[in-house]
């Protein structure tokens, strides 16, 4: 792992070890293992964009787990997942402002309209554009819901 983000994660692991912070250390080690697994699977060194995608996937998993634990009444497990989620969010770029998301939505819809796309094709094109623009800076599930509502409304 030779990218800037990989070094940040490695340094954070060392700091967690020194601080004896087991929650942080465990979360970061799982993240580092996922990055190394990708490197092994694809036989390439993941760049920052690939590492961000891994972090986003882990964030999404934590959010789904929190929802499942909350609905099952397992507050302690949900709290653990929230702590891990907070740790992972530290490595994501600063979130996009609602105005920025709205502007990106408008631009993506305009581009799809210029291409004459409708329905599912428009959804795919719009989400592809938004993923490039907002990757790691917005919850893409929420953005997708906004796109779907706007397409159907």
N, C-alpha and C. Protein backbone atom coordinates (compact mmCIF):
# COMPACT_ATOMS: atom_id res chain seq x y z
N UNK A 1 0.84 -1.18 0.00
CA UNK A 1 0.00 0.00 0.00
C UNK A 1 0.88 1.24 0.00
N UNK A 2 0.95 1.88 -1.16
CA UNK A 2 1.86 3.01 -1.26
C UNK A 2 1.17 4.33 -1.54
N UNK A 3 -0.15 4.36 -1.54
CA UNK A 3 -0.84 5.61 -1.81
C UNK A 3 -0.98 6.44 -0.54
N UNK A 4 -1.38 7.68 -0.70
CA UNK A 4 -1.54 8.58 0.44
C UNK A 4 -2.57 8.08 1.43
N UNK A 5 -3.70 7.61 0.92
CA UNK A 5 -4.76 7.12 1.80
C UNK A 5 -4.32 5.84 2.52
N UNK A 6 -3.59 5.00 1.81
CA UNK A 6 -3.09 3.77 2.43
C UNK A 6 -2.12 4.10 3.57
N UNK A 7 -1.29 5.12 3.35
CA UNK A 7 -0.35 5.54 4.41
C UNK A 7 -1.11 6.11 5.60
N UNK A 8 -2.17 6.87 5.33
CA UNK A 8 -2.99 7.42 6.42
C UNK A 8 -3.56 6.29 7.27
N UNK A 9 -4.07 5.26 6.62
CA UNK A 9 -4.67 4.13 7.33
C UNK A 9 -3.61 3.40 8.14
N UNK A 10 -2.45 3.19 7.53
CA UNK A 10 -1.36 2.52 8.22
C UNK A 10 -0.91 3.31 9.45
N UNK A 11 -0.80 4.63 9.29
CA UNK A 11 -0.41 5.48 10.42
C UNK A 11 -1.47 5.46 11.51
N UNK A 12 -2.75 5.43 11.11
CA UNK A 12 -3.84 5.39 12.08
C UNK A 12 -3.82 4.07 12.86
N UNK A 13 -3.45 2.99 12.19
CA UNK A 13 -3.34 1.69 12.87
C UNK A 13 -2.25 1.75 13.93
N UNK A 14 -1.12 2.33 13.56
CA UNK A 14 -0.01 2.45 14.52
C UNK A 14 -0.41 3.30 15.72
N UNK A 15 -1.12 4.40 15.45
CA UNK A 15 -1.56 5.27 16.54
C UNK A 15 -2.56 4.55 17.44
N UNK A 16 -3.46 3.76 16.85
CA UNK A 16 -4.44 3.01 17.64
C UNK A 16 -3.75 1.96 18.50
N UNK A 17 -2.70 1.36 17.96
CA UNK A 17 -1.94 0.37 18.74
C UNK A 17 -1.29 1.05 19.94
N UNK A 18 -0.68 2.21 19.71
CA UNK A 18 -0.03 2.94 20.80
C UNK A 18 -1.03 3.38 21.87
N UNK A 19 -2.24 3.74 21.42
CA UNK A 19 -3.27 4.24 22.33
C UNK A 19 -4.07 3.11 22.98
N UNK A 20 -3.81 1.88 22.57
CA UNK A 20 -4.54 0.71 23.07
C UNK A 20 -6.05 0.85 22.84
N UNK A 21 -6.41 1.41 21.66
CA UNK A 21 -7.81 1.61 21.28
C UNK A 21 -8.24 0.41 20.45
N UNK A 22 -8.82 -0.59 21.11
CA UNK A 22 -9.13 -1.86 20.44
C UNK A 22 -10.22 -1.72 19.37
N UNK A 23 -11.21 -0.88 19.60
CA UNK A 23 -12.28 -0.71 18.61
C UNK A 23 -11.71 -0.10 17.33
N UNK A 24 -10.95 0.96 17.50
CA UNK A 24 -10.34 1.63 16.34
C UNK A 24 -9.36 0.70 15.63
N UNK A 25 -8.57 0.02 16.40
CA UNK A 25 -7.57 -0.88 15.82
C UNK A 25 -8.25 -2.01 15.03
N UNK A 26 -9.27 -2.61 15.60
CA UNK A 26 -9.97 -3.69 14.91
C UNK A 26 -10.62 -3.23 13.62
N UNK A 27 -11.25 -2.06 13.66
CA UNK A 27 -11.91 -1.52 12.47
C UNK A 27 -10.89 -1.23 11.38
N UNK A 28 -9.80 -0.60 11.75
CA UNK A 28 -8.78 -0.25 10.76
C UNK A 28 -8.08 -1.48 10.20
N UNK A 29 -7.89 -2.48 11.04
CA UNK A 29 -7.27 -3.72 10.54
C UNK A 29 -8.19 -4.42 9.53
N UNK A 30 -9.51 -4.41 9.80
CA UNK A 30 -10.46 -4.98 8.83
C UNK A 30 -10.40 -4.22 7.51
N UNK A 31 -10.30 -2.90 7.59
CA UNK A 31 -10.20 -2.08 6.39
C UNK A 31 -8.91 -2.39 5.64
N UNK A 32 -7.82 -2.47 6.35
CA UNK A 32 -6.53 -2.77 5.72
C UNK A 32 -6.55 -4.16 5.09
N UNK A 33 -7.21 -5.11 5.73
CA UNK A 33 -7.32 -6.46 5.18
C UNK A 33 -8.13 -6.44 3.89
N UNK A 34 -9.19 -5.66 3.85
CA UNK A 34 -10.01 -5.55 2.63
C UNK A 34 -9.19 -4.94 1.49
N UNK A 35 -8.36 -3.96 1.81
CA UNK A 35 -7.51 -3.33 0.80
C UNK A 35 -6.49 -4.33 0.28
N UNK A 36 -5.87 -5.08 1.18
CA UNK A 36 -4.88 -6.09 0.76
C UNK A 36 -5.54 -7.20 -0.04
N UNK A 37 -6.77 -7.56 0.33
CA UNK A 37 -7.51 -8.59 -0.42
C UNK A 37 -7.75 -8.14 -1.85
N UNK A 38 -8.11 -6.88 -2.02
CA UNK A 38 -8.32 -6.34 -3.36
C UNK A 38 -7.02 -6.37 -4.16
N UNK A 39 -5.92 -6.03 -3.50
CA UNK A 39 -4.61 -6.05 -4.17
C UNK A 39 -4.27 -7.46 -4.63
N UNK A 40 -4.55 -8.44 -3.79
CA UNK A 40 -4.26 -9.83 -4.13
C UNK A 40 -5.18 -10.31 -5.25
N UNK A 41 -6.47 -10.01 -5.12
CA UNK A 41 -7.45 -10.47 -6.11
C UNK A 41 -7.18 -9.89 -7.49
N UNK A 42 -6.85 -8.61 -7.55
CA UNK A 42 -6.69 -7.94 -8.84
C UNK A 42 -5.23 -7.84 -9.28
N UNK A 43 -4.31 -8.25 -8.42
CA UNK A 43 -2.88 -8.23 -8.71
C UNK A 43 -2.37 -6.85 -9.11
N UNK A 44 -2.97 -5.84 -8.50
CA UNK A 44 -2.51 -4.45 -8.67
C UNK A 44 -2.58 -3.76 -7.32
N UNK A 45 -1.79 -2.73 -7.19
CA UNK A 45 -1.80 -1.94 -5.97
C UNK A 45 -2.96 -0.96 -6.05
N UNK A 46 -3.94 -1.03 -5.14
CA UNK A 46 -5.09 -0.13 -5.21
C UNK A 46 -4.67 1.33 -5.03
N UNK A 47 -5.21 2.19 -5.88
CA UNK A 47 -4.95 3.62 -5.73
C UNK A 47 -5.97 4.21 -4.76
N UNK A 48 -5.88 5.52 -4.55
CA UNK A 48 -6.78 6.16 -3.58
C UNK A 48 -8.25 5.99 -3.97
N UNK A 49 -8.56 6.03 -5.27
CA UNK A 49 -9.95 5.87 -5.71
C UNK A 49 -10.47 4.48 -5.36
N UNK A 50 -9.64 3.46 -5.56
CA UNK A 50 -10.04 2.08 -5.22
C UNK A 50 -10.20 1.92 -3.71
N UNK A 51 -9.33 2.55 -2.96
CA UNK A 51 -9.41 2.48 -1.49
C UNK A 51 -10.67 3.19 -1.01
N UNK A 52 -10.99 4.33 -1.63
CA UNK A 52 -12.23 5.04 -1.27
C UNK A 52 -13.44 4.16 -1.54
N UNK A 53 -13.42 3.43 -2.65
CA UNK A 53 -14.54 2.54 -2.97
C UNK A 53 -14.68 1.45 -1.90
N UNK A 54 -13.56 0.94 -1.42
CA UNK A 54 -13.58 -0.08 -0.36
C UNK A 54 -14.15 0.52 0.92
N UNK A 55 -13.72 1.73 1.26
CA UNK A 55 -14.22 2.39 2.47
C UNK A 55 -15.72 2.63 2.34
N UNK A 56 -16.16 3.10 1.17
CA UNK A 56 -17.60 3.33 0.95
C UNK A 56 -18.39 2.04 1.13
N UNK A 57 -17.85 0.95 0.63
CA UNK A 57 -18.54 -0.35 0.77
C UNK A 57 -18.64 -0.73 2.25
N UNK A 58 -17.58 -0.52 2.98
CA UNK A 58 -17.59 -0.84 4.41
C UNK A 58 -18.56 0.07 5.17
N UNK A 59 -18.63 1.34 4.78
CA UNK A 59 -19.57 2.28 5.40
C UNK A 59 -21.00 1.81 5.14
N UNK A 60 -21.26 1.42 3.91
CA UNK A 60 -22.60 0.94 3.56
C UNK A 60 -22.95 -0.30 4.38
N UNK A 61 -22.00 -1.21 4.54
CA UNK A 61 -22.25 -2.42 5.34
C UNK A 61 -22.58 -2.05 6.78
N UNK A 62 -21.85 -1.08 7.34
CA UNK A 62 -22.09 -0.66 8.72
C UNK A 62 -23.49 -0.06 8.85
N UNK A 63 -23.89 0.78 7.88
CA UNK A 63 -25.22 1.39 7.94
C UNK A 63 -26.31 0.33 7.89
N UNK A 64 -26.13 -0.67 7.03
CA UNK A 64 -27.12 -1.75 6.95
C UNK A 64 -27.17 -2.54 8.25
N UNK A 65 -26.02 -2.78 8.84
CA UNK A 65 -25.96 -3.51 10.11
C UNK A 65 -26.63 -2.72 11.22
N UNK A 66 -26.40 -1.41 11.25
CA UNK A 66 -27.02 -0.56 12.28
C UNK A 66 -28.53 -0.65 12.17
N UNK A 67 -29.04 -0.55 10.95
CA UNK A 67 -30.50 -0.63 10.74
C UNK A 67 -31.03 -1.98 11.20
N UNK A 68 -30.32 -3.05 10.87
CA UNK A 68 -30.76 -4.39 11.27
C UNK A 68 -30.72 -4.56 12.78
N UNK A 69 -29.65 -4.10 13.42
CA UNK A 69 -29.54 -4.23 14.87
C UNK A 69 -30.58 -3.38 15.58
N UNK A 70 -30.82 -2.17 15.08
CA UNK A 70 -31.83 -1.31 15.69
C UNK A 70 -33.21 -1.94 15.60
N UNK A 71 -33.54 -2.51 14.45
CA UNK A 71 -34.87 -3.11 14.29
C UNK A 71 -35.02 -4.38 15.12
N UNK A 72 -33.89 -5.03 15.44
CA UNK A 72 -33.92 -6.24 16.26
C UNK A 72 -33.80 -5.92 17.75
N UNK A 73 -33.66 -4.65 18.08
CA UNK A 73 -33.56 -4.26 19.48
C UNK A 73 -32.21 -4.56 20.11
N UNK A 74 -31.17 -4.66 19.29
CA UNK A 74 -29.82 -4.96 19.80
C UNK A 74 -29.01 -3.67 19.85
N UNK A 75 -29.30 -2.85 20.84
CA UNK A 75 -28.71 -1.52 20.95
C UNK A 75 -27.19 -1.58 21.10
N UNK A 76 -26.68 -2.54 21.86
CA UNK A 76 -25.23 -2.62 22.08
C UNK A 76 -24.49 -2.92 20.78
N UNK A 77 -25.02 -3.84 19.98
CA UNK A 77 -24.41 -4.17 18.69
C UNK A 77 -24.49 -2.98 17.73
N UNK A 78 -25.62 -2.27 17.75
CA UNK A 78 -25.78 -1.10 16.90
C UNK A 78 -24.79 0.00 17.30
N UNK A 79 -24.57 0.15 18.59
CA UNK A 79 -23.61 1.16 19.08
C UNK A 79 -22.20 0.83 18.61
N UNK A 80 -21.84 -0.46 18.64
CA UNK A 80 -20.53 -0.89 18.16
C UNK A 80 -20.37 -0.56 16.68
N UNK A 81 -21.40 -0.84 15.89
CA UNK A 81 -21.36 -0.55 14.45
C UNK A 81 -21.26 0.96 14.21
N UNK A 82 -21.96 1.75 15.02
CA UNK A 82 -21.89 3.22 14.88
C UNK A 82 -20.48 3.71 15.16
N UNK A 83 -19.83 3.14 16.16
CA UNK A 83 -18.46 3.53 16.49
C UNK A 83 -17.53 3.21 15.31
N UNK A 84 -17.72 2.02 14.72
CA UNK A 84 -16.90 1.65 13.56
C UNK A 84 -17.19 2.55 12.37
N UNK A 85 -18.46 2.90 12.18
CA UNK A 85 -18.85 3.79 11.09
C UNK A 85 -18.16 5.15 11.24
N UNK A 86 -18.13 5.68 12.45
CA UNK A 86 -17.48 6.97 12.69
C UNK A 86 -15.99 6.90 12.36
N UNK A 87 -15.35 5.79 12.68
CA UNK A 87 -13.93 5.62 12.38
C UNK A 87 -13.72 5.60 10.87
N UNK A 88 -14.55 4.86 10.15
CA UNK A 88 -14.40 4.76 8.69
C UNK A 88 -14.65 6.10 8.01
N UNK A 89 -15.61 6.87 8.52
CA UNK A 89 -15.94 8.16 7.91
C UNK A 89 -14.77 9.14 7.95
N UNK A 90 -13.85 8.95 8.90
CA UNK A 90 -12.69 9.83 8.99
C UNK A 90 -11.84 9.79 7.72
N UNK A 91 -11.91 8.70 6.98
CA UNK A 91 -11.06 8.53 5.80
C UNK A 91 -11.77 8.89 4.50
N UNK A 92 -13.04 9.27 4.61
CA UNK A 92 -13.78 9.72 3.43
C UNK A 92 -13.58 11.22 3.26
N UNK A 93 -13.64 11.72 2.03
CA UNK A 93 -13.55 13.17 1.84
C UNK A 93 -14.74 13.86 2.51
N UNK A 94 -14.61 15.15 2.72
CA UNK A 94 -15.69 15.91 3.37
C UNK A 94 -16.95 15.78 2.53
N UNK A 95 -18.05 15.58 3.22
CA UNK A 95 -19.33 15.38 2.55
C UNK A 95 -19.75 16.58 1.71
N UNK A 96 -20.48 16.29 0.65
CA UNK A 96 -20.98 17.35 -0.22
C UNK A 96 -22.15 18.05 0.46
N UNK A 97 -22.22 19.34 0.27
CA UNK A 97 -23.32 20.13 0.82
C UNK A 97 -24.60 19.81 0.04
N UNK A 98 -25.76 19.94 0.67
CA UNK A 98 -27.02 19.68 -0.03
C UNK A 98 -27.16 20.48 -1.33
N UNK A 99 -26.66 21.72 -1.32
CA UNK A 99 -26.72 22.55 -2.53
C UNK A 99 -25.87 21.93 -3.64
N UNK A 100 -24.71 21.39 -3.28
CA UNK A 100 -23.82 20.77 -4.26
C UNK A 100 -24.47 19.51 -4.84
N UNK A 101 -25.14 18.74 -3.99
CA UNK A 101 -25.83 17.54 -4.46
C UNK A 101 -26.96 17.93 -5.41
N UNK A 102 -27.71 18.97 -5.04
CA UNK A 102 -28.81 19.43 -5.89
C UNK A 102 -28.28 19.91 -7.25
N UNK A 103 -27.16 20.62 -7.24
CA UNK A 103 -26.57 21.10 -8.50
C UNK A 103 -26.09 19.93 -9.36
N UNK A 104 -25.50 18.92 -8.72
CA UNK A 104 -25.04 17.74 -9.46
C UNK A 104 -26.24 16.99 -10.05
N UNK A 105 -27.33 16.90 -9.28
CA UNK A 105 -28.55 16.27 -9.79
C UNK A 105 -29.08 17.01 -11.01
N UNK A 106 -29.15 18.33 -10.91
CA UNK A 106 -29.65 19.14 -12.03
C UNK A 106 -28.79 18.94 -13.27
N UNK A 107 -27.47 18.95 -13.09
CA UNK A 107 -26.56 18.77 -14.23
C UNK A 107 -26.73 17.38 -14.85
N UNK A 108 -26.84 16.36 -14.03
CA UNK A 108 -26.98 15.00 -14.54
C UNK A 108 -28.31 14.82 -15.27
N UNK A 109 -29.39 15.40 -14.73
CA UNK A 109 -30.69 15.32 -15.41
C UNK A 109 -30.65 16.06 -16.74
N UNK A 110 -30.00 17.22 -16.77
CA UNK A 110 -29.89 17.98 -18.01
C UNK A 110 -29.12 17.19 -19.06
N UNK A 111 -28.04 16.55 -18.64
CA UNK A 111 -27.24 15.75 -19.58
C UNK A 111 -28.06 14.58 -20.12
N UNK A 112 -28.83 13.90 -19.25
CA UNK A 112 -29.66 12.78 -19.69
C UNK A 112 -30.74 13.28 -20.65
N UNK A 113 -31.32 14.45 -20.37
CA UNK A 113 -32.35 15.01 -21.25
C UNK A 113 -31.76 15.36 -22.61
N UNK A 114 -30.53 15.90 -22.62
CA UNK A 114 -29.86 16.24 -23.88
C UNK A 114 -29.64 15.00 -24.74
N UNK A 115 -29.44 13.86 -24.09
CA UNK A 115 -29.21 12.60 -24.80
C UNK A 115 -30.52 11.90 -25.13
N UNK A 116 -31.64 12.47 -24.69
CA UNK A 116 -32.95 11.90 -24.98
C UNK A 116 -33.25 10.63 -24.20
N UNK A 117 -32.62 10.46 -23.05
CA UNK A 117 -32.81 9.24 -22.26
C UNK A 117 -34.03 9.36 -21.36
N UNK A 118 -34.71 8.23 -21.18
CA UNK A 118 -35.88 8.17 -20.30
C UNK A 118 -35.86 6.86 -19.54
N UNK A 119 -36.61 6.82 -18.43
CA UNK A 119 -36.80 5.58 -17.67
C UNK A 119 -35.51 5.00 -17.12
N UNK A 120 -35.35 3.69 -17.29
CA UNK A 120 -34.20 2.98 -16.74
C UNK A 120 -32.88 3.43 -17.33
N UNK A 121 -32.88 3.73 -18.63
CA UNK A 121 -31.65 4.21 -19.26
C UNK A 121 -31.23 5.54 -18.66
N UNK A 122 -32.19 6.41 -18.40
CA UNK A 122 -31.88 7.70 -17.78
C UNK A 122 -31.34 7.49 -16.37
N UNK A 123 -31.98 6.58 -15.63
CA UNK A 123 -31.53 6.29 -14.26
C UNK A 123 -30.07 5.85 -14.27
N UNK A 124 -29.72 4.93 -15.15
CA UNK A 124 -28.34 4.44 -15.23
C UNK A 124 -27.36 5.53 -15.59
N UNK A 125 -27.71 6.34 -16.59
CA UNK A 125 -26.82 7.41 -17.03
C UNK A 125 -26.65 8.46 -15.93
N UNK A 126 -27.76 8.82 -15.29
CA UNK A 126 -27.71 9.84 -14.24
C UNK A 126 -26.88 9.35 -13.06
N UNK A 127 -27.12 8.12 -12.64
CA UNK A 127 -26.36 7.59 -11.49
C UNK A 127 -24.88 7.44 -11.83
N UNK A 128 -24.58 7.05 -13.06
CA UNK A 128 -23.18 6.95 -13.48
C UNK A 128 -22.48 8.29 -13.38
N UNK A 129 -23.17 9.34 -13.84
CA UNK A 129 -22.62 10.69 -13.77
C UNK A 129 -22.46 11.15 -12.32
N UNK A 130 -23.47 10.90 -11.51
CA UNK A 130 -23.43 11.33 -10.11
C UNK A 130 -22.38 10.58 -9.31
N UNK A 131 -22.16 9.33 -9.65
CA UNK A 131 -21.15 8.54 -8.93
C UNK A 131 -19.76 9.14 -9.16
N UNK A 132 -19.51 9.60 -10.38
CA UNK A 132 -18.22 10.25 -10.67
C UNK A 132 -18.09 11.56 -9.89
N UNK A 133 -19.18 12.30 -9.82
CA UNK A 133 -19.15 13.62 -9.21
C UNK A 133 -19.14 13.57 -7.69
N UNK A 134 -19.93 12.65 -7.12
CA UNK A 134 -20.15 12.66 -5.67
C UNK A 134 -19.54 11.48 -4.92
N UNK A 135 -18.77 10.66 -5.59
CA UNK A 135 -18.22 9.45 -4.97
C UNK A 135 -17.49 9.78 -3.67
N UNK A 136 -17.90 9.10 -2.61
CA UNK A 136 -17.25 9.27 -1.31
C UNK A 136 -17.68 10.51 -0.57
N UNK A 137 -18.52 11.34 -1.19
CA UNK A 137 -18.90 12.60 -0.57
C UNK A 137 -20.38 12.69 -0.27
N UNK A 138 -21.14 11.68 -0.72
CA UNK A 138 -22.58 11.65 -0.46
C UNK A 138 -23.02 10.20 -0.33
N UNK A 139 -24.10 9.98 0.40
CA UNK A 139 -24.67 8.64 0.52
C UNK A 139 -25.39 8.34 -0.79
N UNK A 140 -24.81 7.45 -1.58
CA UNK A 140 -25.34 7.20 -2.93
C UNK A 140 -26.72 6.54 -2.88
N UNK A 141 -27.06 5.88 -1.78
CA UNK A 141 -28.41 5.30 -1.66
C UNK A 141 -29.44 6.42 -1.56
N UNK A 142 -29.11 7.46 -0.81
CA UNK A 142 -30.01 8.61 -0.71
C UNK A 142 -30.10 9.35 -2.03
N UNK A 143 -28.97 9.51 -2.70
CA UNK A 143 -28.95 10.18 -4.00
C UNK A 143 -29.79 9.39 -5.01
N UNK A 144 -29.65 8.08 -4.99
CA UNK A 144 -30.43 7.22 -5.88
C UNK A 144 -31.93 7.37 -5.61
N UNK A 145 -32.31 7.46 -4.35
CA UNK A 145 -33.72 7.65 -4.01
C UNK A 145 -34.23 8.99 -4.55
N UNK A 146 -33.38 10.02 -4.47
CA UNK A 146 -33.78 11.33 -4.99
C UNK A 146 -33.94 11.27 -6.51
N UNK A 147 -33.03 10.57 -7.19
CA UNK A 147 -33.12 10.44 -8.64
C UNK A 147 -34.40 9.69 -9.01
N UNK A 148 -34.65 8.58 -8.33
CA UNK A 148 -35.85 7.76 -8.60
C UNK A 148 -37.12 8.59 -8.40
N UNK A 149 -37.17 9.35 -7.31
CA UNK A 149 -38.35 10.17 -7.03
C UNK A 149 -38.53 11.25 -8.11
N UNK A 150 -37.43 11.81 -8.54
CA UNK A 150 -37.51 12.87 -9.56
C UNK A 150 -37.91 12.30 -10.92
N UNK A 151 -37.45 11.09 -11.24
CA UNK A 151 -37.82 10.45 -12.49
C UNK A 151 -39.30 10.06 -12.50
N UNK A 152 -39.80 9.63 -11.35
CA UNK A 152 -41.19 9.17 -11.26
C UNK A 152 -42.15 10.33 -10.98
N UNK A 153 -41.63 11.46 -10.57
CA UNK A 153 -42.49 12.57 -10.17
C UNK A 153 -42.60 13.56 -11.24
